[in-house]
Amino acid sequence: MDFSCLEQRMAQAYIDLLPSFVPDENAPVSISEQERFYTLIKSLYQLAFDEPLLFAASLHADDAYPYRYKKAYNKPQLIIDMRKFTKSLDGLLKAMFLLGRGEDVKLNNKQKAVLSRLGIDDLTALPAAWKWMSAKDNANAAAFSHCLFDANYPYTSDIYARLLGEPGFKRLEQWMLAQGYKRYNVYSVTASDCNLTLSIVNPQWSPEPPRGGFEYKIKHTGIAAQYDDYTRNPASFGLCVPGGMKPYLESFDSMGEELQAFVVKKTKKCDKCGYCVQTDKTGNRPHSHTAVTYEGKEYRLCNYFPGYTYCWKSIDDGLADMLIKMLSFMDQFSGKI
């Protein structure tokens, strides 16, 4: 999707990650007050899209990184320009959150002007739901800015199902939940600016909550979804593979044929990149791969970082079914690796 300027692209991320209005029916503030706050936040994001100069000193030509790994695009200034806009809008959201907590906040003139456009001129008389979302138990700035009113409602599932493909996403999610997998909102993930990511993982693998993401320090089977607003197609999700690929590749022959084909297709083939032997001073350490045979051909498949290849921008029923097969296979190893 193309935009009239870079700043509009960044504003779209806030719109995309705002869920539909679902109130907390047991809250100490009324549903109508919650809807008033939701409308205010939604209007803020639409204002940022329609009038980005309220949040930026100047506008830039639209652009985006093709992939999450920015270096190959060779435009280091691009992420700097992107973050100038998000820093401005995030700064206002943080100030709003702190104001709701009754803290002494000094707004700049631009922030005051934006709030005035939203009908907020008297900072001593903030809407009731604004103050409640700032000060309730377990309140945080991310839940505030995404209008996550009800702590028990799966807002993030709704968001990522809409962005990635609802039928396939819900098919996979329903299977996971039926198997005892648990949902987690993760607000900070390594190598991602996204402040609202979703992990759905099998707690049988570890009592620790997931760190978020699908690339680093994975301790559970499951999936993780995130939104990287600096990429051309920002929503993505990946398979969570605990322990790297080695234990599963060593049992390749026990996989069904469909799963074997899937694993050969998605697992990186060893290209002797040197990552796995970079600390070897002897020059004798073998590369970390596992040899498998599929349809009469041998493949040397990398044991490291499956999250780099087991990730997608959308999901349909066919992919959901393959991920169910893969998760079912990996879960046989719970407690063994």
Protein backbone atom coordinates (compact mmCIF):
# COMPACT_ATOMS: atom_id res chain seq x y z
CA MET A 1 0.00 0.00 0.00
CA ASP A 2 1.35 3.44 -0.95
CA PHE A 3 0.80 6.68 0.96
CA SER A 4 1.05 10.36 0.14
CA CYS A 5 4.03 10.70 2.51
CA LEU A 6 6.17 8.65 4.84
CA GLU A 7 4.46 10.11 7.89
CA GLN A 8 1.06 8.86 6.75
CA ARG A 9 2.52 5.36 6.48
CA MET A 10 3.66 5.57 10.09
CA ALA A 11 0.29 6.88 11.24
CA GLN A 12 -1.44 3.95 9.54
CA ALA A 13 0.31 1.60 11.99
CA TYR A 14 -1.59 3.14 14.91
CA ILE A 15 -4.86 2.74 13.03
CA ASP A 16 -4.09 -0.88 12.12
CA LEU A 17 -3.26 -1.83 15.70
CA LEU A 18 -6.36 -0.27 17.22
CA PRO A 19 -8.91 -3.04 17.86
CA SER A 20 -12.63 -2.75 17.46
CA PHE A 21 -14.37 -1.27 20.47
CA VAL A 22 -14.94 -3.90 23.14
CA PRO A 23 -15.61 -2.46 26.61
CA ASP A 24 -15.07 -3.96 30.02
CA GLU A 25 -18.63 -4.48 31.18
CA ASN A 26 -17.50 -4.79 34.79
CA ALA A 27 -15.43 -1.62 34.86
CA PRO A 28 -16.03 1.14 37.42
CA VAL A 29 -16.67 3.53 34.51
CA SER A 30 -19.62 3.20 32.16
CA ILE A 31 -19.55 1.67 28.69
CA SER A 32 -20.44 5.05 27.23
CA GLU A 33 -17.44 6.62 28.98
CA GLN A 34 -15.19 3.85 27.62
CA GLU A 35 -16.56 4.46 24.14
CA ARG A 36 -15.90 8.19 24.53
CA PHE A 37 -12.24 7.45 25.32
CA TYR A 38 -12.02 4.96 22.44
CA THR A 39 -13.41 7.56 20.03
CA LEU A 40 -10.87 10.10 21.31
CA ILE A 41 -7.93 7.74 20.69
CA LYS A 42 -9.28 6.70 17.29
CA SER A 43 -9.70 10.37 16.36
CA LEU A 44 -6.14 11.07 17.45
CA TYR A 45 -4.78 8.44 15.09
CA GLN A 46 -6.96 9.62 12.22
CA LEU A 47 -5.79 13.19 12.86
CA ALA A 48 -2.17 12.01 12.71
CA PHE A 49 -2.93 10.37 9.35
CA ASP A 50 -4.87 13.31 7.91
CA GLU A 51 -2.60 16.08 9.23
CA PRO A 52 0.84 14.59 9.89
CA LEU A 53 2.45 18.04 10.12
CA LEU A 54 0.86 18.30 13.55
CA PHE A 55 3.45 15.71 14.60
CA ALA A 56 6.35 16.33 12.21
CA ALA A 57 8.42 19.37 11.25
CA SER A 58 8.40 18.31 7.58
CA LEU A 59 7.08 15.52 5.38
CA HIS A 60 9.10 12.93 3.49
CA ALA A 61 8.43 10.91 0.35
CA ASP A 62 6.77 7.59 1.07
CA ASP A 63 9.10 4.61 1.37
CA ALA A 64 9.45 1.39 3.36
CA TYR A 65 11.94 -1.39 3.92
CA PRO A 66 11.12 -4.47 1.82
CA TYR A 67 11.91 -6.78 4.74
CA ARG A 68 12.51 -6.62 8.49
CA TYR A 69 16.25 -6.77 7.94
CA LYS A 70 17.01 -3.18 7.03
CA LYS A 71 20.72 -3.21 6.16
CA ALA A 72 20.35 -4.65 2.66
CA TYR A 73 18.08 -1.75 1.60
CA ASN A 74 21.00 0.64 2.20
CA LYS A 75 18.87 3.55 3.40
CA PRO A 76 19.91 4.19 7.02
CA GLN A 77 18.26 7.63 7.07
CA LEU A 78 14.85 6.11 6.36
CA ILE A 79 14.39 4.54 9.80
CA ILE A 80 15.54 7.81 11.41
CA ASP A 81 12.86 9.77 9.56
CA MET A 82 10.24 7.15 10.42
CA ARG A 83 11.07 7.25 14.11
CA LYS A 84 10.92 11.03 14.29
CA PHE A 85 7.21 10.82 13.57
CA THR A 86 6.48 7.88 15.88
CA LYS A 87 8.54 9.47 18.66
CA SER A 88 6.35 12.55 18.44
CA LEU A 89 3.06 10.64 18.56
CA ASP A 90 4.31 8.22 21.21
CA GLY A 91 5.46 11.18 23.26
CA LEU A 92 1.96 12.60 23.28
CA LEU A 93 0.46 9.22 24.18
CA LYS A 94 2.88 8.82 27.08
CA ALA A 95 2.05 12.31 28.29
CA MET A 96 -1.65 11.51 28.10
CA PHE A 97 -1.10 8.32 30.10
CA LEU A 98 0.82 10.19 32.80
CA LEU A 99 -1.76 12.97 32.91
CA GLY A 100 -4.40 10.34 33.58
CA ARG A 101 -2.34 9.16 36.55
CA GLY A 102 -2.37 12.67 37.96
CA GLU A 103 1.31 13.32 37.33
CA ASP A 104 2.73 16.75 36.60
CA VAL A 105 3.31 16.82 32.84
CA LYS A 106 4.55 19.78 30.84
CA LEU A 107 2.99 19.67 27.39
CA ASN A 108 4.60 21.52 24.51
CA ASN A 109 2.57 23.81 22.28
CA LYS A 110 2.10 21.19 19.56
CA GLN A 111 0.77 18.67 22.05
CA LYS A 112 -1.62 21.22 23.50
CA ALA A 113 -2.85 22.08 20.01
CA VAL A 114 -3.53 18.44 19.17
CA LEU A 115 -5.46 17.83 22.37
CA SER A 116 -7.47 21.00 21.74
CA ARG A 117 -8.38 19.66 18.29
CA LEU A 118 -9.69 16.58 20.09
CA GLY A 119 -11.81 18.68 22.44
CA ILE A 120 -9.48 18.47 25.44
CA ASP A 121 -8.74 21.98 26.71
CA ASP A 122 -9.04 21.53 30.46
CA LEU A 123 -6.43 19.05 31.72
CA THR A 124 -7.97 19.12 35.19
CA ALA A 125 -11.21 17.59 33.89
CA LEU A 126 -10.10 14.55 31.88
CA PRO A 127 -12.69 11.96 30.77
CA ALA A 128 -13.39 9.30 33.39
CA ALA A 129 -12.25 6.36 31.24
CA TRP A 130 -8.99 8.19 30.39
CA LYS A 131 -8.14 8.39 34.10
CA TRP A 132 -9.29 4.82 34.74
CA MET A 133 -7.17 3.40 31.88
CA SER A 134 -4.14 5.21 33.27
CA ALA A 135 -4.50 4.26 36.92
CA LYS A 136 -6.27 0.88 37.13
CA ASP A 137 -4.48 -2.27 38.29
CA ASN A 138 -1.80 -3.39 35.78
CA ALA A 139 -2.27 -0.22 33.73
CA ASN A 140 0.42 0.39 31.13
CA ALA A 141 0.97 2.82 28.29
CA ALA A 142 0.51 0.18 25.57
CA ALA A 143 -2.88 -0.98 26.85
CA PHE A 144 -3.86 2.68 27.21
CA SER A 145 -2.91 3.61 23.65
CA HIS A 146 -4.56 0.50 22.13
CA CYS A 147 -7.75 0.77 24.22
CA LEU A 148 -7.43 -2.67 25.79
CA PHE A 149 -10.22 -2.13 28.29
CA ASP A 150 -10.94 -5.70 29.38
CA ALA A 151 -7.87 -7.62 30.60
CA ASN A 152 -9.62 -10.91 29.77
CA TYR A 153 -10.60 -10.10 26.18
CA PRO A 154 -8.27 -11.31 23.34
CA TYR A 155 -7.91 -7.97 21.52
CA THR A 156 -4.55 -8.92 20.00
CA SER A 157 -6.01 -12.09 18.48
CA ASP A 158 -8.69 -10.01 16.79
CA ILE A 159 -6.11 -7.51 15.51
CA TYR A 160 -3.70 -10.04 14.03
CA ALA A 161 -6.48 -12.24 12.65
CA ARG A 162 -7.74 -9.19 10.73
CA LEU A 163 -4.26 -8.31 9.47
CA LEU A 164 -3.05 -11.82 8.59
CA GLY A 165 -6.20 -13.60 7.40
CA GLU A 166 -9.02 -14.36 9.77
CA PRO A 167 -10.20 -17.84 8.66
CA GLY A 168 -6.73 -19.40 8.70
CA PHE A 169 -5.59 -17.58 11.81
CA LYS A 170 -8.69 -18.52 13.79
CA ARG A 171 -8.45 -22.13 12.59
CA LEU A 172 -4.90 -22.41 13.95
CA GLU A 173 -5.66 -20.46 17.12
CA GLN A 174 -8.68 -22.59 17.99
CA TRP A 175 -6.64 -25.76 17.62
CA MET A 176 -3.87 -24.39 19.84
CA LEU A 177 -6.24 -23.25 22.56
CA ALA A 178 -7.96 -26.65 22.53
CA GLN A 179 -4.54 -28.25 23.14
CA GLY A 180 -3.90 -26.05 26.17
CA TYR A 181 -1.83 -23.31 24.54
CA LYS A 182 -2.08 -19.88 26.18
CA ARG A 183 -2.25 -16.35 24.76
CA TYR A 184 0.15 -13.63 25.90
CA ASN A 185 0.41 -9.95 25.05
CA VAL A 186 4.09 -8.96 24.90
CA TYR A 187 4.83 -5.26 24.83
CA SER A 188 8.56 -5.25 24.03
CA VAL A 189 10.31 -7.66 21.67
CA THR A 190 13.97 -7.89 20.66
CA ALA A 191 14.60 -6.38 17.20
CA SER A 192 11.08 -4.96 16.87
CA ASP A 193 9.59 -1.53 17.61
CA CYS A 194 6.12 -3.01 18.00
CA ASN A 195 4.60 -2.44 21.44
CA LEU A 196 1.72 -4.88 21.03
CA THR A 197 2.73 -8.36 19.93
CA LEU A 198 0.91 -11.63 20.40
CA SER A 199 2.32 -14.99 21.44
CA ILE A 200 0.25 -18.18 21.67
CA VAL A 201 2.43 -20.87 23.21
CA ASN A 202 2.36 -24.26 24.87
CA PRO A 203 3.14 -23.76 28.60
CA GLN A 204 4.15 -27.42 28.96
CA TRP A 205 7.56 -26.49 27.56
CA SER A 206 8.45 -23.94 30.23
CA PRO A 207 6.78 -22.21 33.19
CA GLU A 208 8.33 -18.91 32.06
CA PRO A 209 6.15 -16.56 29.99
CA PRO A 210 7.34 -16.06 26.41
CA ARG A 211 9.69 -13.18 25.63
CA GLY A 212 7.78 -12.47 22.43
CA GLY A 213 8.78 -12.84 18.80
CA PHE A 214 9.71 -15.99 16.94
CA GLU A 215 13.47 -15.64 16.43
CA TYR A 216 15.39 -15.32 19.69
CA LYS A 217 15.49 -17.35 22.92
CA ILE A 218 12.42 -19.40 22.10
CA LYS A 219 11.38 -21.74 24.94
CA HIS A 220 7.88 -22.82 23.85
CA THR A 221 6.17 -24.19 20.79
CA GLY A 222 3.52 -21.91 19.31
CA ILE A 223 3.31 -18.83 17.15
CA ALA A 224 4.13 -15.16 17.61
CA ALA A 225 2.71 -12.23 15.64
CA GLN A 226 4.07 -8.70 15.40
CA TYR A 227 3.74 -5.49 13.41
CA ASP A 228 6.93 -3.88 12.08
CA ASP A 229 5.74 -0.51 10.82
CA TYR A 230 8.94 0.26 8.87
CA THR A 231 8.33 -2.61 6.41
CA ARG A 232 6.18 -2.55 3.29
CA ASN A 233 4.01 -5.39 4.61
CA PRO A 234 4.21 -4.79 8.35
CA ALA A 235 2.16 -7.61 9.91
CA SER A 236 3.89 -10.97 10.22
CA PHE A 237 3.86 -14.11 12.32
CA GLY A 238 6.25 -16.97 12.81
CA LEU A 239 6.46 -20.47 14.19
CA CYS A 240 8.09 -20.71 17.62
CA VAL A 241 10.65 -23.55 17.60
CA PRO A 242 12.26 -24.24 20.99
CA GLY A 243 15.81 -25.52 20.98
CA GLY A 244 16.53 -24.85 17.32
CA MET A 245 15.83 -27.31 14.52
CA LYS A 246 18.35 -30.03 15.38
CA PRO A 247 16.21 -32.37 17.54
CA TYR A 248 13.36 -32.31 15.03
CA LEU A 249 15.60 -32.74 11.98
CA GLU A 250 17.25 -35.72 13.63
CA SER A 251 13.77 -37.30 13.72
CA PHE A 252 12.99 -36.29 10.12
CA ASP A 253 12.33 -39.89 9.06
CA SER A 254 9.46 -40.18 11.55
CA MET A 255 7.60 -37.22 10.03
CA GLY A 256 4.73 -37.73 7.64
CA GLU A 257 5.43 -37.06 3.98
CA GLU A 258 3.56 -33.75 3.92
CA LEU A 259 5.47 -32.50 6.95
CA GLN A 260 8.77 -33.63 5.46
CA ALA A 261 8.06 -31.61 2.32
CA PHE A 262 7.15 -28.59 4.44
CA VAL A 263 10.33 -28.83 6.53
CA VAL A 264 12.60 -29.21 3.50
CA LYS A 265 10.95 -26.20 1.88
CA LYS A 266 11.07 -23.89 4.92
CA THR A 267 14.35 -24.81 6.64
CA LYS A 268 17.44 -22.94 5.49
CA LYS A 269 19.85 -25.09 3.48
CA CYS A 270 23.39 -24.90 4.80
CA ASP A 271 25.35 -22.45 2.63
CA LYS A 272 28.42 -22.40 4.88
CA CYS A 273 27.72 -18.82 5.93
CA GLY A 274 30.08 -19.32 8.86
CA TYR A 275 27.80 -18.09 11.64
CA CYS A 276 27.87 -21.40 13.53
CA VAL A 277 31.69 -21.62 13.46
CA GLN A 278 32.60 -17.96 13.93
CA THR A 279 34.06 -18.56 17.39
CA ASP A 280 36.07 -21.60 16.32
CA LYS A 281 39.77 -20.73 16.38
CA THR A 282 40.89 -24.19 15.28
CA GLY A 283 39.10 -24.25 11.94
CA ASN A 284 38.04 -27.85 12.64
CA ARG A 285 34.51 -27.37 13.96
CA PRO A 286 31.92 -28.78 11.52
CA HIS A 287 29.06 -26.62 10.33
CA SER A 288 25.88 -27.02 12.36
CA HIS A 289 23.55 -28.78 9.97
CA THR A 290 21.60 -32.01 9.81
CA ALA A 291 21.55 -34.18 6.69
CA VAL A 292 18.12 -35.45 5.66
CA THR A 293 16.98 -37.39 2.62
CA TYR A 294 13.75 -36.50 0.87
CA GLU A 295 12.56 -38.01 -2.43
CA GLY A 296 15.97 -39.53 -3.00
CA LYS A 297 17.90 -36.29 -2.56
CA GLU A 298 20.06 -35.30 0.40
CA TYR A 299 19.65 -31.88 2.02
CA ARG A 300 21.89 -30.34 4.63
CA LEU A 301 19.50 -28.28 6.73
CA CYS A 302 20.63 -25.57 9.14
CA ASN A 303 20.03 -26.17 12.85
CA TYR A 304 20.05 -22.48 13.76
CA PHE A 305 17.42 -19.69 13.99
CA PRO A 306 14.41 -21.25 12.24
CA GLY A 307 12.47 -18.04 12.93
CA TYR A 308 14.21 -16.42 9.97
CA THR A 309 12.49 -18.77 7.52
CA TYR A 310 9.45 -20.10 9.37
CA CYS A 311 7.58 -16.80 9.13
CA TRP A 312 4.80 -15.47 6.95
CA LYS A 313 2.83 -12.34 6.06
CA SER A 314 -0.52 -14.10 5.86
CA ILE A 315 -2.18 -17.40 6.73
CA ASP A 316 -4.82 -19.51 5.01
CA ASP A 317 -6.39 -22.84 5.92
CA GLY A 318 -3.67 -24.82 4.15
CA LEU A 319 -0.85 -23.15 6.07
CA ALA A 320 -2.83 -23.47 9.31
CA ASP A 321 -3.12 -27.21 8.77
CA MET A 322 0.63 -27.57 8.12
CA LEU A 323 1.48 -25.59 11.24
CA ILE A 324 -0.85 -27.83 13.24
CA LYS A 325 1.10 -30.83 11.93
CA MET A 326 4.42 -29.19 12.80
CA LEU A 327 3.32 -28.15 16.28
CA SER A 328 1.90 -31.62 16.97
CA PHE A 329 5.21 -33.16 15.92
CA MET A 330 7.35 -30.80 18.03
CA ASP A 331 5.14 -31.21 21.10
CA GLN A 332 6.17 -34.85 21.26
CA PHE A 333 9.58 -33.55 22.39
CA SER A 334 8.27 -31.52 25.35
CA GLY A 335 10.34 -32.37 28.42
CA LYS A 336 12.97 -34.18 26.32
CA ILE A 337 15.12 -31.30 25.06
